[in-house]
Amino acid sequence: MYYRLNGVTQRLTGAPAAACSPQGLRPGVPPVSPPAIFASPTKLASETGSQVEYLGANRVPDLQRLFQRSDGLPVHLKGGVIDKLLYRTTMSLTAGGVLYCLVALYFAAQPGDK
């Protein structure tokens, strides 16, 4: 048996008929398909054939060689100048944030003016 909340008494009441056919659904109405969003037709997977089109060359082997080379650098710095710039910026912002927090804690620990 299904239950629903009575709005007047704020108690649960048995409602088997209401649970089987909710108010928002109308039985027997066929669903209408929405209009097409895109003007161009879409390709099915079976229409593309056996070959797969790539947007560019496969760079995975080159990147594997770059990151697996044993040159003593950590992985996060093997990308070159951009990686060094990002690393140093992140570390300086982190150090600045820690310093700012320590200064704020120092000022918060001082007794207030009377």
Protein backbone atom coordinates (compact mmCIF):
# COMPACT_ATOMS: atom_id res chain seq x y z
CA MET A 1 0.00 0.00 0.00
CA TYR A 2 1.25 3.47 -0.87
CA TYR A 3 0.94 6.49 1.38
CA ARG A 4 0.70 10.23 0.91
CA LEU A 5 0.76 13.17 3.32
CA ASN A 6 -2.59 14.73 4.18
CA GLY A 7 -2.23 18.52 4.04
CA VAL A 8 -4.92 19.20 6.66
CA THR A 9 -4.07 16.68 9.35
CA GLN A 10 -0.34 16.35 8.52
CA ARG A 11 -0.64 12.57 8.75
CA LEU A 12 0.03 9.80 6.31
CA THR A 13 -3.06 8.41 4.61
CA GLY A 14 -3.37 5.34 2.40
CA ALA A 15 -3.65 6.27 -1.26
CA PRO A 16 -3.23 3.29 -3.61
CA ALA A 17 -4.99 4.92 -6.59
CA ALA A 18 -3.03 8.16 -6.43
CA ALA A 19 0.29 6.32 -6.32
CA CYS A 20 -0.46 4.31 -9.44
CA SER A 21 -1.42 7.33 -11.57
CA PRO A 22 0.37 10.51 -10.44
CA GLN A 23 -1.14 13.87 -11.33
CA GLY A 24 1.62 15.00 -13.70
CA LEU A 25 1.47 11.97 -16.00
CA ARG A 26 -1.32 11.35 -18.47
CA PRO A 27 -1.59 7.75 -19.69
CA GLY A 28 -2.18 7.05 -23.37
CA VAL A 29 -0.57 10.23 -24.75
CA PRO A 30 2.26 9.40 -27.18
CA PRO A 31 5.47 11.34 -26.59
CA VAL A 32 6.25 14.03 -29.15
CA SER A 33 9.83 14.16 -30.37
CA PRO A 34 11.50 17.55 -29.92
CA PRO A 35 12.53 19.52 -33.00
CA ALA A 36 16.07 19.13 -34.31
CA ILE A 37 18.55 21.50 -32.68
CA PHE A 38 21.30 21.38 -35.29
CA ALA A 39 20.72 22.21 -38.93
CA SER A 40 23.39 19.85 -40.26
CA PRO A 41 22.68 16.12 -40.29
CA THR A 42 24.66 13.90 -37.96
CA LYS A 43 26.81 10.96 -39.01
CA LEU A 44 26.15 7.55 -37.61
CA ALA A 45 29.06 5.37 -36.54
CA SER A 46 28.24 2.89 -39.28
CA GLU A 47 28.48 5.61 -41.96
CA THR A 48 32.05 6.65 -41.12
CA GLY A 49 33.58 3.43 -42.35
CA SER A 50 36.39 1.45 -40.81
CA GLN A 51 38.98 4.24 -40.66
CA VAL A 52 39.06 6.71 -37.79
CA GLU A 53 39.84 10.37 -38.42
CA TYR A 54 42.16 12.08 -35.94
CA LEU A 55 42.55 15.80 -35.46
CA GLY A 56 46.32 15.57 -35.22
CA ALA A 57 49.31 13.31 -34.95
CA ASN A 58 49.73 10.95 -32.02
CA ARG A 59 52.11 12.72 -29.60
CA VAL A 60 51.98 10.12 -26.82
CA PRO A 61 55.27 8.35 -27.73
CA ASP A 62 57.12 11.68 -27.84
CA LEU A 63 55.73 12.73 -24.47
CA GLN A 64 56.58 9.33 -22.99
CA ARG A 65 60.18 9.74 -24.12
CA LEU A 66 60.31 13.26 -22.67
CA PHE A 67 58.89 12.37 -19.25
CA GLN A 68 60.68 9.02 -18.86
CA ARG A 69 64.13 10.41 -19.64
CA SER A 70 66.45 10.13 -16.62
CA ASP A 71 67.99 13.59 -16.49
CA GLY A 72 67.56 14.25 -12.78
CA LEU A 73 64.67 16.70 -13.16
CA PRO A 74 61.39 16.07 -11.37
CA VAL A 75 58.41 15.29 -13.60
CA HIS A 76 56.65 18.59 -12.89
CA LEU A 77 59.63 20.54 -14.31
CA LYS A 78 60.34 18.49 -17.46
CA GLY A 79 58.01 20.60 -19.61
CA GLY A 80 60.53 23.43 -19.97
CA VAL A 81 60.36 27.15 -19.26
CA ILE A 82 56.57 27.26 -18.82
CA ASP A 83 56.70 24.56 -16.13
CA LYS A 84 59.49 26.39 -14.29
CA LEU A 85 57.53 29.64 -14.43
CA LEU A 86 54.35 27.97 -13.13
CA TYR A 87 56.28 26.17 -10.37
CA ARG A 88 58.06 29.31 -9.17
CA THR A 89 54.85 31.39 -9.31
CA THR A 90 52.97 28.78 -7.30
CA MET A 91 55.73 28.49 -4.70
CA SER A 92 56.03 32.27 -4.31
CA LEU A 93 52.26 32.68 -3.92
CA THR A 94 52.23 29.88 -1.35
CA ALA A 95 55.09 31.42 0.62
CA GLY A 96 53.41 34.82 0.45
CA GLY A 97 50.14 33.34 1.69
CA VAL A 98 51.85 31.62 4.62
CA LEU A 99 53.62 34.84 5.53
CA TYR A 100 50.35 36.79 5.32
CA CYS A 101 48.61 34.25 7.59
CA LEU A 102 51.40 34.46 10.15
CA VAL A 103 51.24 38.27 10.19
CA ALA A 104 47.45 38.16 10.56
CA LEU A 105 47.77 35.69 13.44
CA TYR A 106 50.37 37.93 15.11
CA PHE A 107 48.07 40.96 14.90
CA ALA A 108 45.08 38.92 16.08
CA ALA A 109 47.03 37.72 19.12
CA GLN A 110 47.84 41.27 20.27
CA PRO A 111 45.55 42.68 22.96
CA GLY A 112 43.07 45.27 21.81
CA ASP A 113 43.19 48.96 22.71
CA LYS A 114 41.32 49.93 25.88
